[in-house]
Amino acid sequence: MATIHIYNHETGKLERYIRELNEPMPYNVAGTLTVREFVQGNKIAWTDVETMRAWNNLCSNHGKPINVLEAFRSISLTPCPKNKRYHYLGLAFRLSCDKAEDLPALHAAAVESEAFSFVGPIEKESESFEVDKRYMPGGVFLIEGLPVIIKGMENHYVMFIQSALNLYGYPLVLDGVFGKNTAAAVRRFQRDAFLSEDGIVDRLEWEALFNTSCLPEFRAC
């Protein structure tokens, strides 16, 4: 049994589903992605509707079974290699095929479908590659496609922020709502990380959250 939170861009709300591990993911078409494959051993996970639609698009374009090596990843799993952090947001997959010779066709389908924002190169040592719905080049105000998060928002990005803050010693309920308690925890985190205490998660806050997630010894004072 697992709890899946899915952000619906049309309603601006998080939808909550409780599913058995052998059941298909919400918004999944034709049972091509089970809860077990997505949650990767976690009891709580999150993603968004657009990512599920991208998955369905890829499966339709490829027309053959796809192996999911990695999907949702908890921030509490350390150490975290830098290229794994996309999975914390539940918007990325590491994919492979039963037969190595079929992998180029899957990779081509991922590129041609344009379902995902980013398709990584095939890594020969692991015979796999990553796709990510969120990825884009980092800019002045964004870090690799991550938005500015402020009080009042409700989405899967807030779920990640809350889970990270929990790990670092700022206890919060994982509800995906950026309310007063989350805003207060963000300010405490900013103070301890020597950032401006404005309660807004911007580029520097995202970098701090991701960087400290790679340091198991870091805990809030």
Protein backbone atom coordinates (compact mmCIF):
# COMPACT_ATOMS: atom_id res chain seq x y z
CA MET A 1 0.00 0.00 0.00
CA ALA A 2 1.27 3.46 -0.87
CA THR A 3 -0.04 7.01 -0.86
CA ILE A 4 0.43 8.93 -4.10
CA HIS A 5 0.04 12.71 -4.31
CA ILE A 6 -0.47 14.00 -7.86
CA TYR A 7 -0.53 17.70 -8.67
CA ASN A 8 -3.23 18.62 -11.16
CA HIS A 9 -2.19 21.71 -13.11
CA GLU A 10 -5.76 22.35 -14.26
CA THR A 11 -7.24 22.55 -10.76
CA GLY A 12 -4.11 23.81 -8.97
CA LYS A 13 -4.59 21.14 -6.31
CA LEU A 14 -2.86 18.00 -5.10
CA GLU A 15 -4.90 14.83 -5.51
CA ARG A 16 -4.37 12.03 -3.00
CA TYR A 17 -4.62 8.34 -3.92
CA ILE A 18 -4.13 5.23 -1.79
CA ARG A 19 -3.24 2.27 -3.97
CA GLU A 20 -1.97 -1.28 -3.67
CA LEU A 21 1.53 -1.79 -5.05
CA ASN A 22 0.34 -4.00 -7.90
CA GLU A 23 -2.26 -1.46 -9.05
CA PRO A 24 -1.55 0.96 -11.92
CA MET A 25 -0.53 4.52 -11.13
CA PRO A 26 -3.29 7.15 -11.26
CA TYR A 27 -3.66 8.65 -14.75
CA ASN A 28 -1.80 5.65 -16.17
CA VAL A 29 -3.14 4.21 -19.42
CA ALA A 30 -3.11 0.44 -20.13
CA GLY A 31 -1.40 -0.49 -16.86
CA THR A 32 2.10 0.27 -18.15
CA LEU A 33 3.31 1.70 -14.81
CA THR A 34 2.48 0.12 -11.47
CA VAL A 35 2.56 1.84 -8.10
CA ARG A 36 5.38 -0.50 -7.08
CA GLU A 37 7.53 0.60 -10.04
CA PHE A 38 6.95 4.27 -9.30
CA VAL A 39 7.25 4.46 -5.50
CA GLN A 40 10.46 2.38 -5.43
CA GLY A 41 9.85 1.11 -1.90
CA ASN A 42 8.54 4.40 -0.47
CA LYS A 43 5.18 4.55 1.29
CA ILE A 44 4.56 8.15 0.20
CA ALA A 45 5.43 9.56 -3.23
CA TRP A 46 4.39 12.40 -5.52
CA THR A 47 4.36 13.48 -9.13
CA ASP A 48 2.10 15.53 -11.41
CA VAL A 49 -0.47 14.87 -14.11
CA GLU A 50 1.81 16.17 -16.86
CA THR A 51 4.49 13.61 -15.98
CA MET A 52 1.96 10.78 -16.13
CA ARG A 53 0.76 12.03 -19.51
CA ALA A 54 4.36 12.14 -20.71
CA TRP A 55 4.81 8.54 -19.59
CA ASN A 56 1.65 7.45 -21.44
CA ASN A 57 2.84 9.30 -24.54
CA LEU A 58 6.21 7.55 -24.44
CA CYS A 59 4.67 4.10 -23.96
CA SER A 60 2.29 4.68 -26.86
CA ASN A 61 5.12 5.90 -29.08
CA HIS A 62 7.43 2.98 -28.19
CA GLY A 63 4.79 0.25 -28.27
CA LYS A 64 6.82 -2.22 -26.16
CA PRO A 65 7.31 -2.86 -22.42
CA ILE A 66 9.66 -0.45 -20.65
CA ASN A 67 11.69 -1.26 -17.55
CA VAL A 68 11.68 1.40 -14.83
CA LEU A 69 14.95 1.24 -12.90
CA GLU A 70 14.28 4.37 -10.89
CA ALA A 71 11.33 6.72 -10.48
CA PHE A 72 10.39 8.43 -7.23
CA ARG A 73 13.31 8.68 -4.80
CA SER A 74 13.10 9.79 -1.19
CA ILE A 75 15.47 12.56 -0.13
CA SER A 76 16.29 10.49 2.96
CA LEU A 77 18.17 8.01 0.77
CA THR A 78 21.80 9.06 1.06
CA PRO A 79 24.32 9.45 -0.36
CA CYS A 80 22.66 11.07 -3.36
CA PRO A 81 24.75 11.34 -6.52
CA LYS A 82 24.19 14.72 -8.14
CA ASN A 83 22.46 13.30 -11.21
CA LYS A 84 19.85 11.52 -9.04
CA ARG A 85 18.25 14.60 -7.54
CA TYR A 86 15.66 14.90 -10.29
CA HIS A 87 13.91 11.84 -8.84
CA TYR A 88 13.19 13.62 -5.55
CA LEU A 89 10.47 15.55 -7.37
CA GLY A 90 8.83 12.46 -8.86
CA LEU A 91 9.07 13.86 -12.38
CA ALA A 92 11.88 11.70 -13.75
CA PHE A 93 12.52 8.09 -14.69
CA ARG A 94 15.58 5.96 -15.37
CA LEU A 95 14.62 3.51 -18.11
CA SER A 96 15.97 0.36 -19.67
CA CYS A 97 14.91 -2.64 -21.79
CA ASP A 98 15.05 -6.39 -21.25
CA LYS A 99 17.36 -6.63 -24.24
CA ALA A 100 20.21 -4.15 -24.58
CA GLU A 101 19.78 -4.06 -28.35
CA ASP A 102 16.26 -2.62 -27.88
CA LEU A 103 17.50 0.36 -25.84
CA PRO A 104 18.36 2.64 -28.83
CA ALA A 105 14.79 2.28 -30.12
CA LEU A 106 13.39 3.26 -26.72
CA HIS A 107 15.74 6.22 -26.54
CA ALA A 108 14.71 7.31 -30.04
CA ALA A 109 11.04 7.02 -29.06
CA ALA A 110 11.67 9.23 -26.01
CA VAL A 111 13.33 11.87 -28.18
CA GLU A 112 10.81 11.73 -31.03
CA SER A 113 7.75 11.78 -28.78
CA GLU A 114 8.89 15.06 -27.19
CA ALA A 115 6.92 13.90 -24.16
CA PHE A 116 9.63 14.80 -21.66
CA SER A 117 11.51 18.06 -21.29
CA PHE A 118 14.85 16.28 -21.09
CA VAL A 119 16.13 12.97 -22.45
CA GLY A 120 19.58 12.04 -21.25
CA PRO A 121 22.14 10.06 -23.23
CA ILE A 122 22.31 6.29 -23.04
CA GLU A 123 24.74 5.32 -20.30
CA LYS A 124 26.50 2.23 -21.56
CA GLU A 125 27.73 1.09 -18.15
CA SER A 126 24.14 0.86 -16.84
CA GLU A 127 22.39 0.28 -20.20
CA SER A 128 19.83 2.92 -19.27
CA PHE A 129 18.99 6.60 -19.65
CA GLU A 130 17.00 9.26 -17.83
CA VAL A 131 13.96 11.26 -18.87
CA ASP A 132 12.74 14.27 -16.92
CA LYS A 133 9.59 16.32 -17.33
CA ARG A 134 10.93 19.28 -15.35
CA TYR A 135 14.46 19.78 -16.57
CA MET A 136 15.56 22.95 -18.33
CA PRO A 137 18.84 24.88 -18.25
CA GLY A 138 19.33 26.85 -15.04
CA GLY A 139 18.81 30.58 -15.28
CA VAL A 140 19.25 33.64 -13.11
CA PHE A 141 16.00 33.11 -11.23
CA LEU A 142 15.56 29.37 -11.68
CA ILE A 143 17.71 26.35 -10.92
CA GLU A 144 17.14 23.70 -13.57
CA GLY A 145 13.48 24.46 -14.06
CA LEU A 146 12.49 24.75 -10.40
CA PRO A 147 9.95 27.51 -9.77
CA VAL A 148 9.84 30.14 -7.07
CA ILE A 149 7.65 28.81 -4.24
CA ILE A 150 5.78 31.19 -1.94
CA LYS A 151 3.24 30.97 0.85
CA GLY A 152 -0.20 29.87 -0.31
CA MET A 153 0.98 27.48 -3.02
CA GLU A 154 -0.06 23.82 -3.10
CA ASN A 155 1.88 21.39 -5.28
CA HIS A 156 4.41 18.57 -5.52
CA TYR A 157 7.33 21.00 -5.17
CA VAL A 158 6.04 21.92 -1.72
CA MET A 159 5.94 18.19 -0.88
CA PHE A 160 9.65 17.97 -1.63
CA ILE A 161 10.45 21.11 0.39
CA GLN A 162 8.53 19.74 3.37
CA SER A 163 10.23 16.34 3.16
CA ALA A 164 13.66 17.96 2.95
CA LEU A 165 12.97 20.24 5.90
CA ASN A 166 11.77 17.23 7.90
CA LEU A 167 15.04 15.46 7.18
CA TYR A 168 17.06 18.46 8.32
CA GLY A 169 15.25 18.78 11.63
CA TYR A 170 12.35 21.14 10.91
CA PRO A 171 9.28 18.94 11.53
CA LEU A 172 6.36 19.42 9.16
CA VAL A 173 3.29 17.52 8.01
CA LEU A 174 3.64 16.34 4.41
CA ASP A 175 0.54 17.87 2.87
CA GLY A 176 1.95 19.86 -0.06
CA VAL A 177 0.45 23.10 1.22
CA PHE A 178 2.78 26.05 1.80
CA GLY A 179 1.02 27.35 4.90
CA LYS A 180 2.22 29.27 7.93
CA ASN A 181 4.06 26.30 9.48
CA THR A 182 5.97 25.57 6.28
CA ALA A 183 6.77 29.26 5.81
CA ALA A 184 8.10 29.44 9.40
CA ALA A 185 10.23 26.31 8.84
CA VAL A 186 11.62 27.80 5.62
CA ARG A 187 12.61 30.96 7.50
CA ARG A 188 14.39 28.92 10.17
CA PHE A 189 16.19 26.96 7.47
CA GLN A 190 17.18 30.19 5.74
CA ARG A 191 18.55 31.57 8.98
CA ASP A 192 20.59 28.44 9.68
CA ALA A 193 21.85 28.37 6.07
CA PHE A 194 22.77 32.10 6.19
CA LEU A 195 20.15 33.09 3.61
CA SER A 196 17.69 35.98 3.64
CA GLU A 197 14.79 35.13 5.95
CA ASP A 198 11.90 35.96 3.65
CA GLY A 199 10.11 32.58 3.65
CA ILE A 200 10.41 32.28 -0.13
CA VAL A 201 12.02 29.29 -1.83
CA ASP A 202 13.99 30.75 -4.73
CA ARG A 203 17.18 29.72 -6.51
CA LEU A 204 19.47 29.91 -3.46
CA GLU A 205 17.03 27.97 -1.29
CA TRP A 206 16.68 25.22 -3.89
CA GLU A 207 20.45 24.96 -4.15
CA ALA A 208 20.78 24.78 -0.37
CA LEU A 209 18.08 22.11 -0.07
CA PHE A 210 19.66 19.93 -2.74
CA ASN A 211 23.24 20.46 -1.57
CA THR A 212 22.52 19.63 2.05
CA SER A 213 20.61 16.53 0.97
CA CYS A 214 23.96 15.15 -0.12
CA LEU A 215 25.44 15.66 3.35
CA PRO A 216 24.07 13.13 5.86
CA GLU A 217 25.92 14.90 8.69
CA PHE A 218 23.92 18.11 8.15
CA ARG A 219 21.17 18.69 10.68
CA ALA A 220 19.54 21.88 11.83
CA CYS A 221 20.92 23.29 15.04
